[in-house]
Protein backbone atom coordinates (compact mmCIF):
# COMPACT_ATOMS: atom_id res chain seq x y z
CA MET A 1 0.00 0.00 0.00
CA PHE A 2 2.78 2.46 0.85
CA LYS A 3 4.29 2.09 -2.64
CA ASP A 4 0.97 3.05 -4.24
CA MET A 5 0.81 6.15 -2.04
CA MET A 6 4.47 6.99 -2.74
CA VAL A 7 5.50 7.19 0.94
CA THR A 8 7.99 5.19 2.98
CA SER A 9 6.88 2.17 4.97
CA GLY A 10 7.66 4.11 8.16
CA THR A 11 5.37 6.94 7.10
CA MET A 12 2.60 4.49 6.26
CA THR A 13 3.01 2.76 9.62
CA HIS A 14 2.71 6.09 11.41
CA ARG A 15 -0.39 7.08 9.43
CA LEU A 16 -2.05 3.74 10.11
CA GLN A 17 -1.22 4.00 13.82
CA GLN A 18 -2.86 7.44 13.95
CA LEU A 19 -5.99 6.18 12.18
CA GLU A 20 -6.13 3.16 14.46
CA LYS A 21 -5.72 5.36 17.56
CA ARG A 22 -8.73 7.40 16.38
CA LYS A 23 -10.64 4.13 15.86
CA LEU A 24 -11.11 4.82 12.13
CA ILE A 25 -9.43 1.59 11.01
CA GLU A 26 -8.65 -1.81 12.42
CA ARG A 27 -5.85 -4.12 11.44
CA ILE A 28 -6.73 -7.74 10.80
CA ALA A 29 -4.35 -10.66 10.40
CA ASP A 30 -4.14 -11.85 6.80
CA PRO A 31 -5.21 -15.51 6.83
CA ASN A 32 -3.08 -16.17 3.71
CA ASP A 33 0.13 -14.52 4.96
CA LYS A 34 1.00 -14.48 8.65
CA ARG A 35 3.54 -11.68 8.03
CA SER A 36 0.88 -9.31 6.70
CA LEU A 37 -2.02 -7.36 8.08
CA MET A 38 -5.12 -6.18 6.29
CA VAL A 39 -6.66 -2.79 7.04
CA LYS A 40 -10.42 -2.36 7.40
CA LEU A 41 -12.46 0.77 7.98
CA THR A 42 -14.46 0.80 11.19
CA SER A 43 -18.03 2.10 11.16
CA SER A 44 -16.67 5.50 12.28
CA GLY A 45 -14.18 5.44 9.40
CA GLU A 46 -16.92 4.54 6.93
CA GLU A 47 -19.05 7.42 8.21
CA ILE A 48 -16.23 9.91 7.67
CA ILE A 49 -15.55 8.60 4.16
CA ALA A 50 -19.26 8.83 3.31
CA ASN A 51 -19.36 12.45 4.51
CA VAL A 52 -16.24 13.35 2.53
CA PHE A 53 -17.67 11.84 -0.66
CA LEU A 54 -20.98 13.63 -0.05
CA HIS A 55 -19.17 16.99 0.25
CA ILE A 56 -17.09 16.30 -2.86
CA PHE A 57 -20.16 15.24 -4.83
CA THR A 58 -22.13 18.31 -3.65
CA TRP A 59 -19.24 20.61 -4.58
CA LYS A 60 -18.87 18.96 -7.98
CA ILE A 61 -22.60 19.35 -8.74
CA SER A 62 -22.51 23.02 -7.76
CA TYR A 63 -19.54 23.76 -10.03
CA PHE A 64 -20.35 21.38 -12.85
CA PRO A 65 -24.16 21.09 -13.14
CA ILE A 66 -25.45 18.24 -15.22
């Protein structure tokens, strides 16, 4: 994931720790690779993402009416 976001693994670890501390994500063991973790949005994280997309969509409609 950190390669796709063009940051170091240390930076990604820090960002994930901050999101986890705020209870926006949870880390889950990867059943296929014991060395890896998967990241899942919590319900609070999903709510924030939904609000962000709503604001982006509303802004886009106001500037680019259909």
